[in-house]
Each structure stands twice: as C-alpha cells, then as structure tokens.
C-alpha atoms as a PDB file:
ATOM      1  CA  UNK A   1     101.120  97.754 108.469  1.00  0.00           C
ATOM      2  CA  UNK A   2     103.596  99.156 105.936  1.00  0.00           C
ATOM      3  CA  UNK A   3     103.761  99.250 102.140  1.00  0.00           C
ATOM      4  CA  UNK A   4     107.181  98.358 100.729  1.00  0.00           C
ATOM      5  CA  UNK A   5     108.354  98.708  97.127  1.00  0.00           C
ATOM      6  CA  UNK A   6     111.710  97.959  95.538  1.00  0.00           C
ATOM      7  CA  UNK A   7     111.746 101.321  93.771  1.00  0.00           C
ATOM      8  CA  UNK A   8     111.729 105.025  94.573  1.00  0.00           C
ATOM      9  CA  UNK A   9     110.034 106.115  91.345  1.00  0.00           C
ATOM     10  CA  UNK A  10     107.464 103.895  89.632  1.00  0.00           C
ATOM     11  CA  UNK A  11     109.539 102.146  86.953  1.00  0.00           C
ATOM     12  CA  UNK A  12     108.868 102.815  83.270  1.00  0.00           C
ATOM     13  CA  UNK A  13     107.711  99.214  82.861  1.00  0.00           C
ATOM     14  CA  UNK A  14     104.542 100.064  84.828  1.00  0.00           C
ATOM     15  CA  UNK A  15     104.090 103.644  83.618  1.00  0.00           C
ATOM     16  CA  UNK A  16     104.200 106.053  80.701  1.00  0.00           C
ATOM     17  CA  UNK A  17     107.212 104.513  78.962  1.00  0.00           C
ATOM     18  CA  UNK A  18     106.074 100.882  79.196  1.00  0.00           C
ATOM     19  CA  UNK A  19     106.941  98.826  76.110  1.00  0.00           C
ATOM     20  CA  UNK A  20     104.010  98.352  73.764  1.00  0.00           C
ATOM     21  CA  UNK A  21     103.775  94.687  74.771  1.00  0.00           C
ATOM     22  CA  UNK A  22     102.865  95.842  78.321  1.00  0.00           C
ATOM     23  CA  UNK A  23     100.149  98.250  77.207  1.00  0.00           C
ATOM     24  CA  UNK A  24      96.547  97.954  76.104  1.00  0.00           C
ATOM     25  CA  UNK A  25      95.143 100.566  73.767  1.00  0.00           C
ATOM     26  CA  UNK A  26      98.120 102.763  74.571  1.00  0.00           C
ATOM     27  CA  UNK A  27      97.835 102.507  78.350  1.00  0.00           C
ATOM     28  CA  UNK A  28     100.296 100.732  80.660  1.00  0.00           C
ATOM     29  CA  UNK A  29      98.407  97.795  82.179  1.00  0.00           C
ATOM     30  CA  UNK A  30     100.997  95.744  84.065  1.00  0.00           C
ATOM     31  CA  UNK A  31     100.647  96.551  87.761  1.00  0.00           C
ATOM     32  CA  UNK A  32     103.771  96.991  89.855  1.00  0.00           C
ATOM     33  CA  UNK A  33     104.711  94.588  92.655  1.00  0.00           C
ATOM     34  CA  UNK A  34     104.686  95.650  96.280  1.00  0.00           C
ATOM     35  CA  UNK A  35     104.758  94.067  99.711  1.00  0.00           C
ATOM     36  CA  UNK A  36     102.753  94.571 102.857  1.00  0.00           C
ATOM     37  CA  UNK A  37     104.587  94.085 106.134  1.00  0.00           C
ATOM     38  CA  UNK A  38     103.124  93.673 109.588  1.00  0.00           C
ATOM     39  CA  UNK A  39      99.571  92.956 108.489  1.00  0.00           C
ATOM     40  CA  UNK A  40      97.682  92.337 111.739  1.00  0.00           C
ATOM     41  CA  UNK A  41      96.834  88.697 112.439  1.00  0.00           C
ATOM     42  CA  UNK A  42      93.163  89.525 112.954  1.00  0.00           C
ATOM     43  CA  UNK A  43      92.894  91.019 109.447  1.00  0.00           C
ATOM     44  CA  UNK A  44      91.090  88.831 106.888  1.00  0.00           C
ATOM     45  CA  UNK A  45      90.680  91.125 103.837  1.00  0.00           C
ATOM     46  CA  UNK A  46      92.705  93.726 101.964  1.00  0.00           C
ATOM     47  CA  UNK A  47      91.437  96.689  99.959  1.00  0.00           C
ATOM     48  CA  UNK A  48      93.372  99.356  98.074  1.00  0.00           C
ATOM     49  CA  UNK A  49      93.338 102.305  95.745  1.00  0.00           C
ATOM     50  CA  UNK A  50      96.005 104.005  93.638  1.00  0.00           C
ATOM     51  CA  UNK A  51      95.145 107.639  92.945  1.00  0.00           C
ATOM     52  CA  UNK A  52      96.968 110.612  91.383  1.00  0.00           C
ATOM     53  CA  UNK A  53      96.132 113.795  93.330  1.00  0.00           C
ATOM     54  CA  UNK A  54      98.517 115.784  91.098  1.00  0.00           C
ATOM     55  CA  UNK A  55      96.111 115.305  88.184  1.00  0.00           C
ATOM     56  CA  UNK A  56      93.708 117.875  89.639  1.00  0.00           C
ATOM     57  CA  UNK A  57      95.300 120.856  87.802  1.00  0.00           C
ATOM     58  CA  UNK A  58      95.355 118.791  84.584  1.00  0.00           C
ATOM     59  CA  UNK A  59      91.834 117.303  84.473  1.00  0.00           C
ATOM     60  CA  UNK A  60      89.996 118.719  87.473  1.00  0.00           C
ATOM     61  CA  UNK A  61      89.925 115.624  89.709  1.00  0.00           C
ATOM     62  CA  UNK A  62      92.261 113.030  91.262  1.00  0.00           C
ATOM     63  CA  UNK A  63      92.807 110.303  88.651  1.00  0.00           C
ATOM     64  CA  UNK A  64      91.899 106.764  89.751  1.00  0.00           C
ATOM     65  CA  UNK A  65      94.493 104.273  88.485  1.00  0.00           C
ATOM     66  CA  UNK A  66      93.461 101.131  90.364  1.00  0.00           C
ATOM     67  CA  UNK A  67      91.143  99.989  93.099  1.00  0.00           C
ATOM     68  CA  UNK A  68      90.434  96.593  94.573  1.00  0.00           C
ATOM     69  CA  UNK A  69      88.274  95.295  97.426  1.00  0.00           C
ATOM     70  CA  UNK A  70      87.730  92.178  99.497  1.00  0.00           C
ATOM     71  CA  UNK A  71      90.963  90.355  98.711  1.00  0.00           C
ATOM     72  CA  UNK A  72      91.032  87.385 101.125  1.00  0.00           C
ATOM     73  CA  UNK A  73      94.358  87.384 102.935  1.00  0.00           C
ATOM     74  CA  UNK A  74      94.414  83.579 103.269  1.00  0.00           C
ATOM     75  CA  UNK A  75      94.019  83.184  99.500  1.00  0.00           C
ATOM     76  CA  UNK A  76      96.841  85.675  98.959  1.00  0.00           C
ATOM     77  CA  UNK A  77      99.041  83.798 101.459  1.00  0.00           C
ATOM     78  CA  UNK A  78      98.654  80.650  99.366  1.00  0.00           C
ATOM     79  CA  UNK A  79     100.312  82.481  96.446  1.00  0.00           C
ATOM     80  CA  UNK A  80     103.342  83.652  98.401  1.00  0.00           C
ATOM     81  CA  UNK A  81     106.795  82.705  97.130  1.00  0.00           C
ATOM     82  CA  UNK A  82     108.969  80.318  99.125  1.00  0.00           C
ATOM     83  CA  UNK A  83     110.794  82.048 101.937  1.00  0.00           C
ATOM     84  CA  UNK A  84     108.331  84.904 102.362  1.00  0.00           C
ATOM     85  CA  UNK A  85     107.909  85.520 106.063  1.00  0.00           C
ATOM     86  CA  UNK A  86     104.501  85.059 107.658  1.00  0.00           C
ATOM     87  CA  UNK A  87     104.249  88.790 108.406  1.00  0.00           C
ATOM     88  CA  UNK A  88     104.898  89.766 104.764  1.00  0.00           C
ATOM     89  CA  UNK A  89     102.381  89.615 101.912  1.00  0.00           C
ATOM     90  CA  UNK A  90     103.784  90.026  98.397  1.00  0.00           C
ATOM     91  CA  UNK A  91     101.564  91.443  95.666  1.00  0.00           C
ATOM     92  CA  UNK A  92     103.185  90.174  92.458  1.00  0.00           C
ATOM     93  CA  UNK A  93     103.777  92.052  89.231  1.00  0.00           C
ATOM     94  CA  UNK A  94     100.748  92.073  86.913  1.00  0.00           C
ATOM     95  CA  UNK A  95      98.432  91.117  89.776  1.00  0.00           C
ATOM     96  CA  UNK A  96      95.604  93.262  88.412  1.00  0.00           C
ATOM     97  CA  UNK A  97      95.349  91.451  85.069  1.00  0.00           C
ATOM     98  CA  UNK A  98      95.905  88.004  86.602  1.00  0.00           C
ATOM     99  CA  UNK A  99      93.732  88.378  89.689  1.00  0.00           C
ATOM    100  CA  UNK A 100      90.607  86.686  88.305  1.00  0.00           C
ATOM    101  CA  UNK A 101      92.680  83.573  87.534  1.00  0.00           C
ATOM    102  CA  UNK A 102      94.622  83.629  90.804  1.00  0.00           C
ATOM    103  CA  UNK A 103      91.810  84.456  93.230  1.00  0.00           C
ATOM    104  CA  UNK A 104      88.416  84.460  91.481  1.00  0.00           C
ATOM    105  CA  UNK A 105      85.660  86.753  92.708  1.00  0.00           C
ATOM    106  CA  UNK A 106      87.761  89.675  93.971  1.00  0.00           C
ATOM    107  CA  UNK A 107      86.256  92.868  92.543  1.00  0.00           C
ATOM    108  CA  UNK A 108      88.309  95.606  90.959  1.00  0.00           C
ATOM    109  CA  UNK A 109      86.862  99.071  90.597  1.00  0.00           C
ATOM    110  CA  UNK A 110      86.556 101.444  87.682  1.00  0.00           C
ATOM    111  CA  UNK A 111      89.447 103.714  86.799  1.00  0.00           C
ATOM    112  CA  UNK A 112      89.027 107.315  85.751  1.00  0.00           C
ATOM    113  CA  UNK A 113      89.205 106.095  82.159  1.00  0.00           C
ATOM    114  CA  UNK A 114      85.611 104.908  82.760  1.00  0.00           C
ATOM    115  CA  UNK A 115      84.416 108.389  83.663  1.00  0.00           C
ATOM    116  CA  UNK A 116      81.826 109.862  81.309  1.00  0.00           C
ATOM    117  CA  UNK A 117      83.935 113.044  81.434  1.00  0.00           C
ATOM    118  CA  UNK A 118      86.910 111.366  79.747  1.00  0.00           C
ATOM    119  CA  UNK A 119      85.537 108.200  78.126  1.00  0.00           C
ATOM    120  CA  UNK A 120      87.160 107.485  74.795  1.00  0.00           C
ATOM    121  CA  UNK A 121      85.273 105.404  72.245  1.00  0.00           C
ATOM    122  CA  UNK A 122      88.172 102.972  71.748  1.00  0.00           C
ATOM    123  CA  UNK A 123      88.000 101.833  75.387  1.00  0.00           C
ATOM    124  CA  UNK A 124      84.270 102.202  76.042  1.00  0.00           C
ATOM    125  CA  UNK A 125      83.652  98.456  76.332  1.00  0.00           C
ATOM    126  CA  UNK A 126      87.075  97.248  77.460  1.00  0.00           C
ATOM    127  CA  UNK A 127      87.151  96.115  81.108  1.00  0.00           C
ATOM    128  CA  UNK A 128      90.881  95.435  80.697  1.00  0.00           C
ATOM    129  CA  UNK A 129      91.323  99.214  80.668  1.00  0.00           C
ATOM    130  CA  UNK A 130      88.252 100.424  82.544  1.00  0.00           C
ATOM    131  CA  UNK A 131      88.451  98.070  85.555  1.00  0.00           C
ATOM    132  CA  UNK A 132      92.094  97.084  85.906  1.00  0.00           C
ATOM    133  CA  UNK A 133      95.359  98.820  86.728  1.00  0.00           C
ATOM    134  CA  UNK A 134      96.073 101.798  84.466  1.00  0.00           C
ATOM    135  CA  UNK A 135      99.668 102.874  84.926  1.00  0.00           C
ATOM    136  CA  UNK A 136     100.762 106.467  85.445  1.00  0.00           C
ATOM    137  CA  UNK A 137     101.064 108.697  82.377  1.00  0.00           C
ATOM    138  CA  UNK A 138     101.558 112.185  83.786  1.00  0.00           C
ATOM    139  CA  UNK A 139     101.321 114.696  80.918  1.00  0.00           C
ATOM    140  CA  UNK A 140     102.997 117.728  82.455  1.00  0.00           C
ATOM    141  CA  UNK A 141     105.539 116.899  85.185  1.00  0.00           C
ATOM    142  CA  UNK A 142     106.438 114.265  87.771  1.00  0.00           C
ATOM    143  CA  UNK A 143     103.284 113.283  89.666  1.00  0.00           C
ATOM    144  CA  UNK A 144     103.011 111.584  93.035  1.00  0.00           C
ATOM    145  CA  UNK A 145     100.694 108.582  93.154  1.00  0.00           C
ATOM    146  CA  UNK A 146      99.135 107.571  96.462  1.00  0.00           C
ATOM    147  CA  UNK A 147      98.708 103.867  97.166  1.00  0.00           C
ATOM    148  CA  UNK A 148      96.359 103.434 100.136  1.00  0.00           C
ATOM    149  CA  UNK A 149      95.801  99.965 101.611  1.00  0.00           C
ATOM    150  CA  UNK A 150      93.376  98.878 104.326  1.00  0.00           C
ATOM    151  CA  UNK A 151      93.089  95.586 106.198  1.00  0.00           C
ATOM    152  CA  UNK A 152      89.746  94.609 107.704  1.00  0.00           C
ATOM    153  CA  UNK A 153      88.340  91.687 109.635  1.00  0.00           C
ATOM    154  CA  UNK A 154      85.203  91.487 107.490  1.00  0.00           C
ATOM    155  CA  UNK A 155      84.573  91.785 103.757  1.00  0.00           C
ATOM    156  CA  UNK A 156      83.175  95.148 102.686  1.00  0.00           C
ATOM    157  CA  UNK A 157      79.517  94.839 101.646  1.00  0.00           C
ATOM    158  CA  UNK A 158      78.065  95.945  98.330  1.00  0.00           C
ATOM    159  CA  UNK A 159      81.250  96.080  96.247  1.00  0.00           C
ATOM    160  CA  UNK A 160      81.052  94.196  92.964  1.00  0.00           C
ATOM    161  CA  UNK A 161      83.236  94.220  89.856  1.00  0.00           C
ATOM    162  CA  UNK A 162      83.285  97.741  88.439  1.00  0.00           C
ATOM    163  CA  UNK A 163      82.501  99.599  91.673  1.00  0.00           C
ATOM    164  CA  UNK A 164      83.266 103.317  91.779  1.00  0.00           C
ATOM    165  CA  UNK A 165      85.921 104.632  94.163  1.00  0.00           C
ATOM    166  CA  UNK A 166      83.423 106.528  96.303  1.00  0.00           C
ATOM    167  CA  UNK A 167      81.700 103.207  97.120  1.00  0.00           C
ATOM    168  CA  UNK A 168      85.026 101.816  98.369  1.00  0.00           C
ATOM    169  CA  UNK A 169      85.679 104.965 100.419  1.00  0.00           C
ATOM    170  CA  UNK A 170      82.234 104.762 102.049  1.00  0.00           C
ATOM    171  CA  UNK A 171      82.619 101.036 102.737  1.00  0.00           C
ATOM    172  CA  UNK A 172      86.024 101.587 104.390  1.00  0.00           C
ATOM    173  CA  UNK A 173      84.604 104.461 106.429  1.00  0.00           C
ATOM    174  CA  UNK A 174      81.759 102.215 107.631  1.00  0.00           C
ATOM    175  CA  UNK A 175      83.936  99.151 108.312  1.00  0.00           C
ATOM    176  CA  UNK A 176      84.292  98.395 111.984  1.00  0.00           C
ATOM    177  CA  UNK A 177      86.972  97.881 112.868  1.00  0.00           C
ATOM    178  CA  UNK A 178      89.649  98.652 110.287  1.00  0.00           C
ATOM    179  CA  UNK A 179      92.527  96.507 111.520  1.00  0.00           C
ATOM    180  CA  UNK A 180      95.232  98.563 109.783  1.00  0.00           C
ATOM    181  CA  UNK A 181      95.827 101.183 107.114  1.00  0.00           C
ATOM    182  CA  UNK A 182      98.929 102.305 105.215  1.00  0.00           C
ATOM    183  CA  UNK A 183      99.866 104.773 102.495  1.00  0.00           C
ATOM    184  CA  UNK A 184     102.809 105.105 100.151  1.00  0.00           C
ATOM    185  CA  UNK A 185     103.517 108.136  97.958  1.00  0.00           C
ATOM    186  CA  UNK A 186     105.111 106.927  94.743  1.00  0.00           C
ATOM    187  CA  UNK A 187     106.368 109.364  92.095  1.00  0.00           C
ATOM    188  CA  UNK A 188     106.282 108.659  88.345  1.00  0.00           C
ATOM    189  CA  UNK A 189     108.145 110.557  85.636  1.00  0.00           C
ATOM    190  CA  UNK A 190     106.417 112.692  83.021  1.00  0.00           C
END
C-alpha cells in the first residue's frame, strides 16, 4: 500500500496560511486530499494518524493533527469519483469535517489541542477543533508531518469518537493481522 499526494509540501490551503474561511477559531480545518494505492483486497478497514514529530522541541511532544479509525473500505469505495481504478482509494479534500455525513459512525480521535497541557478556553467544548483535522501551523521552521495509514481485516475494538492516539496505537499493535501499512512524510512551511 502507498500514500500518494499531489503536492510536495502541504499547501497553504490546508495549513498555517489557510484563508480565514477555511479555519475555525484560527486553526486550519480543511483536511488535504490523498490517495491510497494497492490496498490489499483482504483489507476491510482503514485507520490513520497525522503527527508532527518536529513539534517536540517546541512543546515537548509530537503534535497530533488528525486520527481516524475503522473507516469501512467498501463505504469509501462508494464515494470514489468516476474513473478511479479499483486499486486506488481517494480521500477527498475536507474529508475530516464531512466524514459524519459521508460515512456515519467512523470515529475520529482527539488532536493535541484537546490536551490538558495546551487546552485553550475558546476551544474547550468545540469538537470541530478538538476531534477533527487541525492543519499544520509550525511556529519556528518547516516541520515534517507523518501520515501513517493501516489497513486491517477487522475493525479495531474499543475506539469511539474522541479516542486518544495511544488507544489507536495499542489497537493497531494488537490487530491480527494488519493487512498493510504505509507512511508519508509531508513538510509544511513555517
């Protein structure tokens, strides 16, 4: 399985310089599109996380920008544009905000904005920021963002809306078998 994007650097539209209309409480919230190629036929569910390991010197931990679990591949296939090959799955722009309307019941995890270490009062009760894509906003220099995707035959147990990233990591580790895994390192400008 491979992750494919149509960009080398995460475009401004999905990151720090997003127009105000694509932000929520000052944060970019429109998720970028990507494609998955060569997803194994036996795979039934997708799971992913987008994390910034370069944030460690800035805040002390890798920043969680997006996580998602138990996305049924067949439901995603039904959303594919005309002409998309059977071995390609397209994740459309703004999938994070539209997911509950497109494929109800797929849980998204908490971002680092939900951490008690960084919680800001203005977002304390806003799931649109706390449990959806938060685009890159590196404060000091270009950061690399790691998109990790897993395909499994079975849904991962115990993951509900608002799960923490460690729960996803443990569930992936316990999943038998993981049909495929892929990573993409995606830079974003400061």
